[in-house]
N, C-alpha and C. Protein backbone atom coordinates (compact mmCIF):
# COMPACT_ATOMS: atom_id res chain seq x y z
N MET A 1 102.82 98.00 90.16
CA MET A 1 101.87 99.07 90.56
C MET A 1 100.59 98.36 91.00
N TYR A 2 100.73 96.99 91.01
CA TYR A 2 99.52 96.25 91.40
C TYR A 2 99.84 95.40 92.57
N GLU A 3 98.98 95.05 93.51
CA GLU A 3 99.32 93.87 94.49
C GLU A 3 98.02 92.93 94.38
N ILE A 4 98.19 91.78 94.81
CA ILE A 4 97.11 90.76 95.31
C ILE A 4 96.63 90.91 96.71
N TYR A 5 95.31 91.26 96.77
CA TYR A 5 94.80 91.44 97.91
C TYR A 5 93.85 90.22 98.34
N LYS A 6 93.99 89.81 99.54
CA LYS A 6 93.21 88.71 100.10
C LYS A 6 92.10 89.26 100.96
N ILE A 7 90.87 88.96 100.43
CA ILE A 7 89.59 89.38 101.11
C ILE A 7 89.63 89.00 102.53
N LYS A 8 89.45 89.83 103.43
CA LYS A 8 89.40 89.36 104.96
C LYS A 8 87.96 89.32 105.36
N GLU A 9 87.69 88.74 106.50
CA GLU A 9 86.35 88.70 107.10
C GLU A 9 85.92 90.05 107.36
N ASN A 10 84.68 90.36 107.19
CA ASN A 10 84.20 91.69 107.44
C ASN A 10 84.51 92.75 106.38
N ASP A 11 85.33 92.34 105.27
CA ASP A 11 85.58 93.31 104.08
C ASP A 11 84.31 93.42 103.28
N SER A 12 84.09 94.54 102.91
CA SER A 12 83.02 94.75 101.97
C SER A 12 83.65 95.60 100.64
N LEU A 13 82.85 95.56 99.68
CA LEU A 13 83.26 96.22 98.34
C LEU A 13 83.54 97.81 98.63
N SER A 14 82.75 98.33 99.47
CA SER A 14 82.93 99.65 99.82
C SER A 14 84.14 100.09 100.53
N ASN A 15 84.37 99.15 101.56
CA ASN A 15 85.47 99.30 102.41
C ASN A 15 86.85 99.22 101.52
N ILE A 16 86.71 98.29 100.67
CA ILE A 16 87.98 98.01 99.84
C ILE A 16 88.31 99.10 98.91
N LEU A 17 87.18 99.73 98.28
CA LEU A 17 87.29 100.86 97.38
C LEU A 17 87.80 102.06 98.01
N ASN A 18 87.18 102.36 99.30
CA ASN A 18 87.61 103.43 100.17
C ASN A 18 89.07 103.29 100.56
N GLU A 19 89.47 102.13 101.02
CA GLU A 19 90.91 101.88 101.49
C GLU A 19 91.83 102.28 100.41
N TYR A 20 91.53 101.70 99.13
CA TYR A 20 92.57 101.83 98.09
C TYR A 20 92.23 102.94 97.18
N ASN A 21 91.16 103.84 97.60
CA ASN A 21 90.81 105.11 96.86
C ASN A 21 90.69 104.83 95.37
N ILE A 22 89.86 103.89 95.07
CA ILE A 22 89.56 103.59 93.62
C ILE A 22 88.01 103.55 93.56
N THR A 23 87.56 103.56 92.21
CA THR A 23 86.16 103.41 92.09
C THR A 23 85.90 102.04 91.57
N GLU A 24 84.58 101.57 91.78
CA GLU A 24 84.05 100.32 91.16
C GLU A 24 84.48 100.07 89.83
N GLU A 25 84.47 100.99 88.96
CA GLU A 25 84.81 100.98 87.44
C GLU A 25 86.24 100.61 87.29
N GLU A 26 87.18 101.20 88.12
CA GLU A 26 88.63 100.84 88.21
C GLU A 26 88.67 99.45 88.66
N LEU A 27 88.16 98.95 89.52
CA LEU A 27 88.22 97.58 90.08
C LEU A 27 87.86 96.78 88.95
N ILE A 28 86.69 97.04 88.25
CA ILE A 28 86.40 96.04 87.11
C ILE A 28 87.20 96.13 85.91
N ASN A 29 87.83 97.21 85.78
CA ASN A 29 88.87 97.30 84.63
C ASN A 29 90.06 96.56 84.95
N ILE A 30 90.47 96.44 86.23
CA ILE A 30 91.62 95.81 86.46
C ILE A 30 91.30 94.05 86.71
N ASN A 31 90.23 93.75 87.11
CA ASN A 31 89.91 92.33 87.43
C ASN A 31 88.77 91.70 86.55
N GLY A 32 88.06 92.52 85.72
CA GLY A 32 86.87 91.84 85.07
C GLY A 32 85.69 92.01 85.77
N GLU A 33 84.61 91.83 85.16
CA GLU A 33 83.37 92.12 85.77
C GLU A 33 82.96 91.08 86.89
N GLU A 34 83.59 89.94 86.76
CA GLU A 34 83.39 88.85 87.81
C GLU A 34 83.85 89.16 89.08
N VAL A 35 84.71 90.18 89.39
CA VAL A 35 85.31 90.61 90.46
C VAL A 35 84.16 90.88 91.44
N LEU A 36 83.13 91.39 91.22
CA LEU A 36 82.15 91.68 92.11
C LEU A 36 81.59 90.38 92.69
N LEU A 37 81.66 89.31 92.17
CA LEU A 37 81.11 88.06 92.60
C LEU A 37 82.35 87.47 93.59
N LYS A 38 83.52 88.08 93.59
CA LYS A 38 84.61 87.60 94.26
C LYS A 38 84.81 88.10 95.75
N ILE A 39 84.00 88.94 96.12
CA ILE A 39 84.29 89.79 97.42
C ILE A 39 83.67 88.88 98.47
N ASP A 40 84.47 87.74 98.64
CA ASP A 40 84.24 86.79 99.77
C ASP A 40 85.37 86.41 100.71
N THR A 41 85.32 86.27 101.76
CA THR A 41 86.43 86.04 102.61
C THR A 41 87.22 84.89 101.87
N GLY A 42 88.60 85.21 101.83
CA GLY A 42 89.61 84.15 101.40
C GLY A 42 89.82 84.38 99.97
N ASN A 43 88.96 85.05 99.21
CA ASN A 43 89.26 85.23 97.63
C ASN A 43 90.38 86.26 97.59
N GLU A 44 90.97 86.08 96.39
CA GLU A 44 92.02 87.21 96.13
C GLU A 44 91.53 88.06 94.76
N ILE A 45 91.85 89.43 94.89
CA ILE A 45 91.59 90.23 93.90
C ILE A 45 93.02 91.04 93.68
N ILE A 46 92.93 91.66 92.53
CA ILE A 46 94.06 92.54 92.05
C ILE A 46 93.61 94.04 92.43
N LEU A 47 94.42 94.57 93.13
CA LEU A 47 94.23 96.16 93.25
C LEU A 47 95.58 96.94 93.20
N PRO A 48 95.40 98.26 92.73
CA PRO A 48 96.51 98.97 92.51
C PRO A 48 97.10 99.09 93.99
N LYS A 49 98.64 99.22 93.99
CA LYS A 49 99.17 99.38 95.27
C LYS A 49 98.52 100.68 95.77
N LYS A 50 98.59 100.67 97.10
CA LYS A 50 97.93 101.90 97.86
C LYS A 50 98.66 103.17 97.49
N ARG A 51 97.87 104.16 97.22
CA ARG A 51 98.15 105.54 96.81
C ARG A 51 99.29 106.00 97.71
N ASN A 52 100.39 106.42 96.99
CA ASN A 52 101.72 107.02 97.60
C ASN A 52 101.11 108.53 97.99
N LYS A 53 101.58 109.14 99.20
CA LYS A 53 101.40 110.40 99.68
C LYS A 53 101.67 111.51 98.70
N ASN A 54 102.63 111.18 97.74
CA ASN A 54 103.12 112.21 96.87
C ASN A 54 102.38 112.04 95.43
N PHE A 55 101.71 111.02 95.08
CA PHE A 55 101.31 110.59 93.74
C PHE A 55 99.96 110.08 93.83
N ASP A 56 99.29 110.31 92.66
CA ASP A 56 97.90 109.77 92.25
C ASP A 56 98.04 108.86 91.05
N PHE A 57 97.34 108.03 90.90
CA PHE A 57 97.09 107.07 89.65
C PHE A 57 96.40 107.83 88.70
N TYR A 58 96.72 107.67 87.43
CA TYR A 58 96.03 108.35 86.34
C TYR A 58 95.91 107.19 85.29
N THR A 59 94.60 106.98 84.74
CA THR A 59 94.42 105.99 83.68
C THR A 59 94.37 106.65 82.39
N VAL A 60 95.29 106.30 81.50
CA VAL A 60 95.34 106.76 80.33
C VAL A 60 94.19 106.58 79.44
N LYS A 61 93.67 107.61 78.70
CA LYS A 61 92.59 107.62 77.85
C LYS A 61 93.13 107.48 76.41
N LYS A 62 92.08 107.28 75.47
CA LYS A 62 92.32 106.94 74.24
C LYS A 62 93.24 108.09 73.29
N GLU A 63 92.83 109.27 73.69
CA GLU A 63 93.60 110.37 72.86
C GLU A 63 94.73 110.96 73.58
N ASP A 64 95.07 110.44 74.76
CA ASP A 64 96.11 110.93 75.77
C ASP A 64 97.53 110.67 75.05
N THR A 65 98.39 111.70 75.27
CA THR A 65 99.89 111.61 75.08
C THR A 65 100.57 112.03 76.45
N ILE A 66 101.76 111.78 76.68
CA ILE A 66 102.36 112.17 77.81
C ILE A 66 102.41 113.78 77.78
N TYR A 67 102.66 114.33 76.67
CA TYR A 67 102.73 115.66 76.63
C TYR A 67 101.39 116.45 76.93
N LYS A 68 100.19 115.78 76.39
CA LYS A 68 98.94 116.24 76.76
C LYS A 68 98.49 116.19 78.25
N ILE A 69 98.84 114.95 78.78
CA ILE A 69 98.73 114.79 80.22
C ILE A 69 99.50 115.85 80.95
N ALA A 70 100.78 116.02 80.82
CA ALA A 70 101.62 117.06 81.46
C ALA A 70 101.01 118.44 81.38
N ASN A 71 100.61 118.75 79.99
CA ASN A 71 100.10 119.99 80.03
C ASN A 71 98.74 120.31 80.75
N ASN A 72 97.85 119.30 80.49
CA ASN A 72 96.60 119.36 81.32
C ASN A 72 96.75 119.42 82.86
N ASN A 73 97.91 119.07 83.41
CA ASN A 73 98.17 118.96 84.79
C ASN A 73 99.09 120.06 85.16
N ASN A 74 99.49 120.95 84.44
CA ASN A 74 100.25 122.13 84.47
C ASN A 74 101.73 121.64 85.02
N MET A 75 102.05 120.66 84.40
CA MET A 75 103.60 120.14 85.03
C MET A 75 104.55 120.01 83.90
N ASP A 76 105.82 119.93 84.25
CA ASP A 76 106.88 119.70 83.23
C ASP A 76 106.71 118.35 82.60
N TYR A 77 106.88 118.32 81.26
CA TYR A 77 106.71 117.17 80.38
C TYR A 77 107.85 116.11 80.83
N ASN A 78 109.07 116.59 80.97
CA ASN A 78 110.33 115.75 81.29
C ASN A 78 110.17 115.24 82.77
N LEU A 79 109.60 115.89 83.72
CA LEU A 79 109.28 115.50 84.93
C LEU A 79 108.34 114.26 84.99
N LEU A 80 107.13 114.42 84.22
CA LEU A 80 106.21 113.27 84.14
C LEU A 80 106.95 112.06 83.52
N LEU A 81 107.68 112.21 82.41
CA LEU A 81 108.39 111.10 81.92
C LEU A 81 109.29 110.47 82.94
N LYS A 82 110.09 111.32 83.88
CA LYS A 82 111.09 110.75 84.77
C LYS A 82 110.21 110.01 85.82
N ILE A 83 109.21 110.53 86.27
CA ILE A 83 108.39 109.92 87.52
C ILE A 83 107.85 108.46 86.95
N ASN A 84 107.46 108.22 85.75
CA ASN A 84 106.89 107.06 85.23
C ASN A 84 107.96 106.22 84.50
N GLY A 85 109.46 106.54 84.56
CA GLY A 85 110.30 105.70 84.01
C GLY A 85 110.18 105.51 82.50
N LEU A 86 109.65 106.71 81.75
CA LEU A 86 109.52 106.65 80.35
C LEU A 86 110.51 107.56 79.59
N GLU A 87 110.78 107.18 78.44
CA GLU A 87 111.66 107.80 77.51
C GLU A 87 110.65 108.68 76.45
N LYS A 88 111.18 109.67 76.09
CA LYS A 88 110.60 110.56 74.96
C LYS A 88 109.78 109.72 73.96
N ASP A 89 110.52 108.67 73.48
CA ASP A 89 109.82 107.87 72.28
C ASP A 89 108.95 106.81 72.78
N ASP A 90 108.79 106.60 74.06
CA ASP A 90 107.83 105.60 74.59
C ASP A 90 106.25 105.91 74.28
N TYR A 91 105.62 104.78 74.00
CA TYR A 91 104.11 105.02 73.75
C TYR A 91 103.42 104.83 75.12
N ILE A 92 102.34 105.52 75.13
CA ILE A 92 101.39 105.07 76.32
C ILE A 92 100.17 104.53 75.65
N TYR A 93 99.39 103.67 76.52
CA TYR A 93 98.23 102.97 75.88
C TYR A 93 97.13 103.17 76.59
N PRO A 94 95.83 103.30 76.07
CA PRO A 94 94.40 103.50 76.84
C PRO A 94 94.38 102.27 77.89
N ASN A 95 93.89 102.67 78.97
CA ASN A 95 93.93 101.91 80.33
C ASN A 95 95.26 101.68 80.96
N GLN A 96 96.34 102.02 80.36
CA GLN A 96 97.52 102.05 81.14
C GLN A 96 97.31 103.10 82.36
N THR A 97 98.29 102.53 83.44
CA THR A 97 98.05 103.54 84.68
C THR A 97 99.61 104.16 84.81
N ILE A 98 99.59 105.47 84.97
CA ILE A 98 100.74 106.22 85.27
C ILE A 98 100.62 106.93 86.44
N LEU A 99 101.79 107.44 87.02
CA LEU A 99 101.69 108.27 88.22
C LEU A 99 101.66 109.69 87.89
N LEU A 100 100.88 110.48 88.63
CA LEU A 100 100.97 111.87 88.69
C LEU A 100 101.08 112.60 90.05
N PRO A 101 102.01 113.67 90.00
CA PRO A 101 102.15 114.12 91.33
C PRO A 101 100.71 114.83 91.87
N ARG A 102 100.79 114.57 93.17
CA ARG A 102 99.36 115.08 93.74
C ARG A 102 99.40 116.64 93.63
N LYS A 103 98.08 117.14 93.49
CA LYS A 103 98.05 118.71 93.20
C LYS A 103 98.82 119.55 94.39
N ASP A 104 98.80 119.11 95.47
CA ASP A 104 99.37 119.87 96.65
C ASP A 104 100.87 119.71 96.70
N ASN A 105 101.53 118.90 95.82
CA ASN A 105 103.00 118.65 95.99
C ASN A 105 103.70 119.38 94.72
N ASN A 106 104.70 119.92 95.05
CA ASN A 106 105.63 120.70 94.07
C ASN A 106 106.96 119.72 93.85
N MET A 107 107.35 119.47 92.64
CA MET A 107 108.37 118.70 92.53
C MET A 107 109.29 119.44 91.49
N TYR A 108 110.59 119.01 91.66
CA TYR A 108 111.78 119.68 90.90
C TYR A 108 112.54 118.60 90.58
N LEU A 109 113.09 118.76 89.23
CA LEU A 109 114.04 117.78 88.76
C LEU A 109 115.41 118.37 88.79
N THR A 110 116.33 117.77 89.48
CA THR A 110 117.61 118.47 89.70
C THR A 110 118.41 118.50 88.46
N LYS A 111 119.34 119.56 88.49
CA LYS A 111 120.12 119.81 87.33
C LYS A 111 121.47 119.43 87.78
N LYS A 112 122.43 119.44 86.84
CA LYS A 112 123.83 119.05 86.92
C LYS A 112 124.62 119.74 88.12
N ASN A 113 124.48 121.02 88.41
CA ASN A 113 125.27 121.72 89.38
C ASN A 113 124.52 122.09 90.71
N ASP A 114 123.30 121.55 90.80
CA ASP A 114 122.55 121.68 92.11
C ASP A 114 123.30 121.35 93.23
N THR A 115 123.24 122.27 94.33
CA THR A 115 123.59 122.07 95.76
C THR A 115 122.39 122.08 96.57
N ILE A 116 122.63 121.55 97.83
CA ILE A 116 121.51 121.89 98.96
C ILE A 116 121.35 123.32 98.97
N LYS A 117 122.32 124.06 99.07
CA LYS A 117 122.18 125.55 99.25
C LYS A 117 121.40 126.12 97.91
N SER A 118 121.68 125.83 96.78
CA SER A 118 120.94 126.33 95.66
C SER A 118 119.34 125.71 95.80
N LEU A 119 119.25 124.61 96.15
CA LEU A 119 117.67 123.95 96.20
C LEU A 119 116.99 124.82 97.33
N LEU A 120 117.66 125.02 98.31
CA LEU A 120 116.88 125.82 99.43
C LEU A 120 116.60 127.31 98.86
N ASN A 121 117.55 127.73 98.20
CA ASN A 121 117.20 129.24 97.68
C ASN A 121 116.30 129.11 96.59
N ASN A 122 116.39 128.21 95.60
CA ASN A 122 115.61 128.40 94.27
C ASN A 122 114.09 127.80 94.70
N LEU A 123 114.12 126.91 95.56
CA LEU A 123 112.70 126.35 95.88
C LEU A 123 112.07 127.04 97.06
N ASN A 124 112.79 128.07 97.73
CA ASN A 124 112.23 128.70 98.66
C ASN A 124 111.62 127.98 99.85
N ILE A 125 112.51 126.99 100.43
CA ILE A 125 112.11 126.13 101.33
C ILE A 125 113.35 125.97 102.46
N ASP A 126 113.05 125.67 103.56
CA ASP A 126 114.00 125.45 104.61
C ASP A 126 114.49 123.87 104.59
N ILE A 127 115.59 123.81 105.19
CA ILE A 127 116.19 122.55 105.23
C ILE A 127 115.45 121.34 105.93
N ASN A 128 114.76 121.74 106.92
CA ASN A 128 113.96 120.85 107.73
C ASN A 128 112.82 120.17 106.83
N LYS A 129 112.09 121.17 106.09
CA LYS A 129 110.99 120.73 105.22
C LYS A 129 111.49 119.92 104.02
N LEU A 130 112.56 120.36 103.46
CA LEU A 130 113.41 119.57 102.44
C LEU A 130 113.50 118.22 102.81
N LEU A 131 114.09 118.07 104.03
CA LEU A 131 114.36 116.52 104.37
C LEU A 131 113.14 115.92 104.74
N GLU A 132 112.12 116.49 105.47
CA GLU A 132 110.91 115.91 105.63
C GLU A 132 110.24 115.39 104.49
N TYR A 133 110.24 116.07 103.29
CA TYR A 133 109.60 115.57 102.15
C TYR A 133 110.41 114.68 101.28
N ASN A 134 111.53 114.45 101.39
CA ASN A 134 112.64 113.71 100.79
C ASN A 134 113.35 112.69 101.66
N ASN A 135 113.09 111.40 101.38
CA ASN A 135 113.91 110.57 102.21
C ASN A 135 115.42 110.55 101.84
N ASP A 136 115.84 110.63 100.58
CA ASP A 136 117.32 110.79 100.47
C ASP A 136 117.44 111.78 99.20
N ILE A 137 118.55 112.54 99.42
CA ILE A 137 118.84 113.39 98.46
C ILE A 137 120.11 113.30 97.97
N TYR A 138 120.41 112.74 96.77
CA TYR A 138 121.81 112.45 96.13
C TYR A 138 122.27 113.52 95.40
N LEU A 139 121.49 114.56 94.91
CA LEU A 139 121.80 115.60 93.89
C LEU A 139 122.46 115.10 92.71
N GLU A 140 121.93 113.93 92.34
CA GLU A 140 122.34 113.29 90.91
C GLU A 140 121.37 114.15 89.92
N GLU A 141 121.85 114.24 88.86
CA GLU A 141 121.25 114.93 87.80
C GLU A 141 119.89 114.17 87.59
N GLU A 142 118.82 114.81 87.46
CA GLU A 142 117.33 114.34 87.14
C GLU A 142 116.81 113.71 88.40
N GLN A 143 117.21 114.00 89.57
CA GLN A 143 116.70 113.42 90.70
C GLN A 143 115.33 114.16 91.24
N ILE A 144 114.21 113.56 91.39
CA ILE A 144 113.06 113.99 91.76
C ILE A 144 113.12 114.62 93.13
N ILE A 145 112.98 115.94 93.35
CA ILE A 145 112.83 116.61 94.73
C ILE A 145 111.45 117.01 95.03
N ILE A 146 110.79 116.70 96.20
CA ILE A 146 109.59 117.11 96.50
C ILE A 146 109.76 118.23 97.43
N PHE A 147 108.83 119.24 97.23
CA PHE A 147 109.04 120.54 98.19
C PHE A 147 107.70 121.12 98.31
């Protein structure tokens, strides 16, 4: 979920923060306070991978649980587990970064007997939109479908 970024000529702290949609505090949490001294051409810093069009990054806080995060974001607990490759018994830790679906995206976790026709009917979406939002649809159980 992170990448090494090599500072280019004309890069500035504000440009990098805007491009990666992160705050200065997040940058410092990832790299340490000395990162602010490293914003010079040729230096390398660690940045979260660019935000996906369907997901935002969320930094886990001290009292967080997956259930609490899912509830606070009005989403299905099992979907949040699946998105992050977590099992029900897995722990999350403060400052850990997880993915949350963007507020304007709806997601569905496929069930055993789902078909394209049942998805179109149940999600009230047409086939063109379904294919636009999803690169591949396998209809395997627990596949995440964006609609």
